[in-house]
PDB file of N, CA and C in Angstrom:
ATOM      1  N   MET A   1       0.886  -1.285   0.077  1.00  0.00           N
ATOM      2  CA  MET A   1      -0.014  -0.028  -0.191  1.00  0.00           C
ATOM      3  C   MET A   1       0.848   1.235  -0.133  1.00  0.00           C
ATOM      4  N   ASN A   2       0.557   2.205  -0.809  1.00  0.00           N
ATOM      5  CA  ASN A   2       1.245   3.533  -0.806  1.00  0.00           C
ATOM      6  C   ASN A   2       1.029   4.273   0.145  1.00  0.00           C
ATOM      7  N   LYS A   3       1.993   5.344   0.410  1.00  0.00           N
ATOM      8  CA  LYS A   3       1.830   6.573   1.477  1.00  0.00           C
ATOM      9  C   LYS A   3       0.361   7.424   1.444  1.00  0.00           C
ATOM     10  N   GLU A   4       0.247   7.638  -0.144  1.00  0.00           N
ATOM     11  CA  GLU A   4      -1.265   8.202  -0.386  1.00  0.00           C
ATOM     12  C   GLU A   4      -2.619   7.714  -0.002  1.00  0.00           C
ATOM     13  N   ALA A   5      -2.735   6.463  -0.142  1.00  0.00           N
ATOM     14  CA  ALA A   5      -3.480   5.545   0.295  1.00  0.00           C
ATOM     15  C   ALA A   5      -3.657   5.443   1.883  1.00  0.00           C
ATOM     16  N   ASN A   6      -2.281   5.394   2.613  1.00  0.00           N
ATOM     17  CA  ASN A   6      -2.415   5.369   3.905  1.00  0.00           C
ATOM     18  C   ASN A   6      -2.913   6.841   4.602  1.00  0.00           C
ATOM     19  N   ILE A   7      -2.763   8.036   4.023  1.00  0.00           N
ATOM     20  CA  ILE A   7      -3.222   9.133   4.445  1.00  0.00           C
ATOM     21  C   ILE A   7      -4.562   9.367   4.247  1.00  0.00           C
ATOM     22  N   ASP A   8      -5.207   8.888   3.123  1.00  0.00           N
ATOM     23  CA  ASP A   8      -6.654   8.852   2.713  1.00  0.00           C
ATOM     24  C   ASP A   8      -7.069   8.181   4.007  1.00  0.00           C
ATOM     25  N   ASP A   9      -6.697   6.875   4.150  1.00  0.00           N
ATOM     26  CA  ASP A   9      -7.483   6.092   5.199  1.00  0.00           C
ATOM     27  C   ASP A   9      -7.645   6.899   6.606  1.00  0.00           C
ATOM     28  N   VAL A  10      -6.272   7.484   6.901  1.00  0.00           N
ATOM     29  CA  VAL A  10      -6.432   8.239   7.994  1.00  0.00           C
ATOM     30  C   VAL A  10      -7.445   9.542   7.968  1.00  0.00           C
ATOM     31  N   GLN A  11      -7.476  10.322   6.722  1.00  0.00           N
ATOM     32  CA  GLN A  11      -8.301  11.093   6.715  1.00  0.00           C
ATOM     33  C   GLN A  11      -9.899  10.989   6.346  1.00  0.00           C
ATOM     34  N   GLU A  12     -10.188   9.711   6.211  1.00  0.00           N
ATOM     35  CA  GLU A  12     -11.424   9.593   5.508  1.00  0.00           C
ATOM     36  C   GLU A  12     -12.449   9.968   6.811  1.00  0.00           C
ATOM     37  N   PRO A  13     -12.281   9.532   8.116  1.00  0.00           N
ATOM     38  CA  PRO A  13     -13.326   9.893   8.995  1.00  0.00           C
ATOM     39  C   PRO A  13     -13.537  11.228   9.208  1.00  0.00           C
ATOM     40  N   ILE A  14     -12.178  11.973   9.143  1.00  0.00           N
ATOM     41  CA  ILE A  14     -12.400  13.384   9.389  1.00  0.00           C
ATOM     42  C   ILE A  14     -13.233  13.935   8.165  1.00  0.00           C
ATOM     43  N   ASN A  15     -12.882  13.663   6.892  1.00  0.00           N
ATOM     44  CA  ASN A  15     -13.578  14.166   5.736  1.00  0.00           C
ATOM     45  C   ASN A  15     -15.020  13.941   5.855  1.00  0.00           C
ATOM     46  N   ASN A  16     -15.306  12.746   6.548  1.00  0.00           N
ATOM     47  CA  ASN A  16     -16.878  12.473   6.284  1.00  0.00           C
ATOM     48  C   ASN A  16     -17.366  12.880   7.535  1.00  0.00           C
ATOM     49  N   ALA A  17     -16.923  13.697   8.530  1.00  0.00           N
ATOM     50  CA  ALA A  17     -17.685  13.971   9.305  1.00  0.00           C
ATOM     51  C   ALA A  17     -18.538  15.365   9.514  1.00  0.00           C
ATOM     52  N   SER A  18     -19.384  15.609  10.509  1.00  0.00           N
ATOM     53  CA  SER A  18     -20.150  16.691  10.256  1.00  0.00           C
ATOM     54  C   SER A  18     -19.489  18.008  10.504  1.00  0.00           C
ATOM     55  N   ALA A  19     -19.897  18.909  10.134  1.00  0.00           N
ATOM     56  CA  ALA A  19     -19.268  20.257  10.162  1.00  0.00           C
ATOM     57  C   ALA A  19     -18.889  20.363  11.539  1.00  0.00           C
ATOM     58  N   GLU A  20     -19.738  20.151  12.408  1.00  0.00           N
ATOM     59  CA  GLU A  20     -19.351  20.525  14.010  1.00  0.00           C
ATOM     60  C   GLU A  20     -18.263  19.545  14.454  1.00  0.00           C
ATOM     61  N   VAL A  21     -18.130  18.333  13.890  1.00  0.00           N
ATOM     62  CA  VAL A  21     -17.144  17.562  14.539  1.00  0.00           C
ATOM     63  C   VAL A  21     -15.754  17.851  13.951  1.00  0.00           C
ATOM     64  N   ARG A  22     -15.733  18.432  12.857  1.00  0.00           N
ATOM     65  CA  ARG A  22     -14.607  18.849  11.844  1.00  0.00           C
ATOM     66  C   ARG A  22     -14.236  20.011  12.840  1.00  0.00           C
ATOM     67  N   GLN A  23     -15.010  21.008  13.080  1.00  0.00           N
ATOM     68  CA  GLN A  23     -14.601  22.132  13.925  1.00  0.00           C
ATOM     69  C   GLN A  23     -14.317  21.886  15.291  1.00  0.00           C
ATOM     70  N   ILE A  24     -14.451  20.939  16.042  1.00  0.00           N
ATOM     71  CA  ILE A  24     -13.732  20.317  17.039  1.00  0.00           C
ATOM     72  C   ILE A  24     -12.164  19.698  16.882  1.00  0.00           C
ATOM     73  N   ILE A  25     -12.626  18.981  15.745  1.00  0.00           N
ATOM     74  CA  ILE A  25     -11.058  18.234  15.631  1.00  0.00           C
ATOM     75  C   ILE A  25      -9.988  19.445  15.323  1.00  0.00           C
ATOM     76  N   GLU A  26     -10.391  20.383  14.439  1.00  0.00           N
ATOM     77  CA  GLU A  26      -9.472  21.676  13.845  1.00  0.00           C
ATOM     78  C   GLU A  26      -8.985  22.209  15.141  1.00  0.00           C
ATOM     79  N   GLN A  27      -9.967  22.450  16.151  1.00  0.00           N
ATOM     80  CA  GLN A  27      -9.657  23.627  17.328  1.00  0.00           C
ATOM     81  C   GLN A  27      -8.881  22.771  18.105  1.00  0.00           C
ATOM     82  N   VAL A  28      -8.998  21.486  18.458  1.00  0.00           N
ATOM     83  CA  VAL A  28      -8.297  20.861  19.183  1.00  0.00           C
ATOM     84  C   VAL A  28      -6.836  20.655  19.062  1.00  0.00           C
ATOM     85  N   CYS A  29      -6.710  20.353  17.739  1.00  0.00           N
ATOM     86  CA  CYS A  29      -5.423  20.245  16.893  1.00  0.00           C
ATOM     87  C   CYS A  29      -4.744  21.354  16.948  1.00  0.00           C
ATOM     88  N   LYS A  30      -5.223  22.597  16.871  1.00  0.00           N
ATOM     89  CA  LYS A  30      -4.660  23.871  17.019  1.00  0.00           C
ATOM     90  C   LYS A  30      -4.044  23.657  18.625  1.00  0.00           C
ATOM     91  N   LEU A  31      -5.065  23.711  19.362  1.00  0.00           N
ATOM     92  CA  LEU A  31      -4.639  24.227  20.715  1.00  0.00           C
ATOM     93  C   LEU A  31      -3.687  22.768  21.130  1.00  0.00           C
ATOM     94  N   GLU A  32      -3.312  21.933  20.490  1.00  0.00           N
ATOM     95  CA  GLU A  32      -2.338  20.861  20.957  1.00  0.00           C
ATOM     96  C   GLU A  32      -1.111  21.581  20.177  1.00  0.00           C
ATOM     97  N   LYS A  33      -1.115  21.949  19.053  1.00  0.00           N
ATOM     98  CA  LYS A  33       0.073  22.316  18.359  1.00  0.00           C
ATOM     99  C   LYS A  33       0.523  23.737  19.372  1.00  0.00           C
ATOM    100  N   ILE A  34      -0.206  24.542  19.865  1.00  0.00           N
ATOM    101  CA  ILE A  34       0.191  25.557  20.677  1.00  0.00           C
ATOM    102  C   ILE A  34       1.036  25.121  21.813  1.00  0.00           C
ATOM    103  N   ARG A  35       0.256  24.230  22.290  1.00  0.00           N
ATOM    104  CA  ARG A  35       0.703  23.531  23.596  1.00  0.00           C
ATOM    105  C   ARG A  35       2.237  22.866  23.573  1.00  0.00           C
ATOM    106  N   LEU A  36       2.442  22.227  22.173  1.00  0.00           N
ATOM    107  CA  LEU A  36       3.491  21.754  22.243  1.00  0.00           C
ATOM    108  C   LEU A  36       4.671  22.434  21.782  1.00  0.00           C
ATOM    109  N   ASP A  37       4.401  23.615  20.800  1.00  0.00           N
ATOM    110  CA  ASP A  37       5.162  24.895  20.459  1.00  0.00           C
ATOM    111  C   ASP A  37       5.613  25.354  21.961  1.00  0.00           C
ATOM    112  N   LYS A  38       4.833  25.460  22.914  1.00  0.00           N
ATOM    113  CA  LYS A  38       5.149  26.338  23.824  1.00  0.00           C
ATOM    114  C   LYS A  38       5.568  25.313  25.115  1.00  0.00           C
ATOM    115  N   LYS A  39       5.652  24.060  24.902  1.00  0.00           N
ATOM    116  CA  LYS A  39       6.081  23.029  26.016  1.00  0.00           C
ATOM    117  C   LYS A  39       5.222  23.195  27.009  1.00  0.00           C
ATOM    118  N   ILE A  40       4.037  23.292  26.835  1.00  0.00           N
ATOM    119  CA  ILE A  40       3.187  23.300  27.917  1.00  0.00           C
ATOM    120  C   ILE A  40       2.578  22.127  28.475  1.00  0.00           C
ATOM    121  N   ASN A  41       2.919  21.446  29.641  1.00  0.00           N
ATOM    122  CA  ASN A  41       2.471  20.162  30.120  1.00  0.00           C
ATOM    123  C   ASN A  41       1.279  20.076  31.003  1.00  0.00           C
ATOM    124  N   SER A  42       0.657  21.379  30.908  1.00  0.00           N
ATOM    125  CA  SER A  42      -0.737  21.449  31.890  1.00  0.00           C
ATOM    126  C   SER A  42      -1.681  20.436  31.257  1.00  0.00           C
ATOM    127  N   HIS A  43      -2.868  20.480  31.944  1.00  0.00           N
ATOM    128  CA  HIS A  43      -4.162  19.612  31.661  1.00  0.00           C
ATOM    129  C   HIS A  43      -4.727  20.338  30.540  1.00  0.00           C
ATOM    130  N   ILE A  44      -5.168  19.276  29.516  1.00  0.00           N
ATOM    131  CA  ILE A  44      -5.908  20.249  28.547  1.00  0.00           C
ATOM    132  C   ILE A  44      -7.290  19.559  28.274  1.00  0.00           C
ATOM    133  N   ASN A  45      -7.608  19.138  29.324  1.00  0.00           N
ATOM    134  CA  ASN A  45      -9.398  18.574  29.595  1.00  0.00           C
ATOM    135  C   ASN A  45     -10.242  19.669  29.528  1.00  0.00           C
ATOM    136  N   ASP A  46      -9.798  20.864  30.535  1.00  0.00           N
ATOM    137  CA  ASP A  46     -10.835  21.837  30.591  1.00  0.00           C
ATOM    138  C   ASP A  46     -11.043  22.810  29.206  1.00  0.00           C
ATOM    139  N   ASP A  47      -9.728  22.585  28.255  1.00  0.00           N
ATOM    140  CA  ASP A  47      -9.638  23.415  27.107  1.00  0.00           C
ATOM    141  C   ASP A  47     -10.809  22.972  25.990  1.00  0.00           C
ATOM    142  N   ILE A  48     -10.529  21.380  25.960  1.00  0.00           N
ATOM    143  CA  ILE A  48     -11.282  20.514  25.233  1.00  0.00           C
ATOM    144  C   ILE A  48     -12.517  20.602  25.353  1.00  0.00           C
ATOM    145  N   LEU A  49     -13.071  20.444  26.901  1.00  0.00           N
ATOM    146  CA  LEU A  49     -14.489  20.751  27.089  1.00  0.00           C
ATOM    147  C   LEU A  49     -15.224  21.896  26.586  1.00  0.00           C
ATOM    148  N   ARG A  50     -14.292  22.926  27.091  1.00  0.00           N
ATOM    149  CA  ARG A  50     -14.815  24.308  26.268  1.00  0.00           C
ATOM    150  C   ARG A  50     -15.054  24.113  24.898  1.00  0.00           C
ATOM    151  N   ILE A  51     -14.181  23.846  24.137  1.00  0.00           N
ATOM    152  CA  ILE A  51     -14.133  23.475  22.704  1.00  0.00           C
ATOM    153  C   ILE A  51     -15.525  22.893  22.248  1.00  0.00           C
ATOM    154  N   VAL A  52     -15.661  21.760  22.774  1.00  0.00           N
ATOM    155  CA  VAL A  52     -16.975  20.725  22.541  1.00  0.00           C
ATOM    156  C   VAL A  52     -18.009  21.646  22.899  1.00  0.00           C
ATOM    157  N   LYS A  53     -18.285  22.249  24.122  1.00  0.00           N
ATOM    158  CA  LYS A  53     -19.484  23.073  24.349  1.00  0.00           C
ATOM    159  C   LYS A  53     -19.774  24.157  23.575  1.00  0.00           C
ATOM    160  N   ASP A  54     -18.642  24.814  23.001  1.00  0.00           N
ATOM    161  CA  ASP A  54     -19.002  25.702  22.085  1.00  0.00           C
ATOM    162  C   ASP A  54     -19.557  25.308  20.708  1.00  0.00           C
ATOM    163  N   ALA A  55     -19.114  24.298  20.284  1.00  0.00           N
ATOM    164  CA  ALA A  55     -19.425  23.422  19.094  1.00  0.00           C
ATOM    165  C   ALA A  55     -20.853  23.140  18.991  1.00  0.00           C
ATOM    166  N   VAL A  56     -21.180  22.622  20.388  1.00  0.00           N
ATOM    167  CA  VAL A  56     -22.480  21.947  20.496  1.00  0.00           C
ATOM    168  C   VAL A  56     -23.733  23.137  20.610  1.00  0.00           C
ATOM    169  N   ARG A  57     -23.308  24.367  21.092  1.00  0.00           N
ATOM    170  CA  ARG A  57     -24.034  25.288  21.294  1.00  0.00           C
ATOM    171  C   ARG A  57     -24.796  25.970  19.708  1.00  0.00           C
TER     172      ARG A  57
END
């Protein structure tokens, strides 16, 4: 199997998700990238909960 097929397999659930789910995934990924860039080791659960609540509203 080639790399392009593997990437498509990984992206498939995201591509087929509802707009709200994609929004949550994108925001959580951005948050995690910021945390990794700044080497922040604090808890992320509260931030993820806020993202989910905002998307559900």
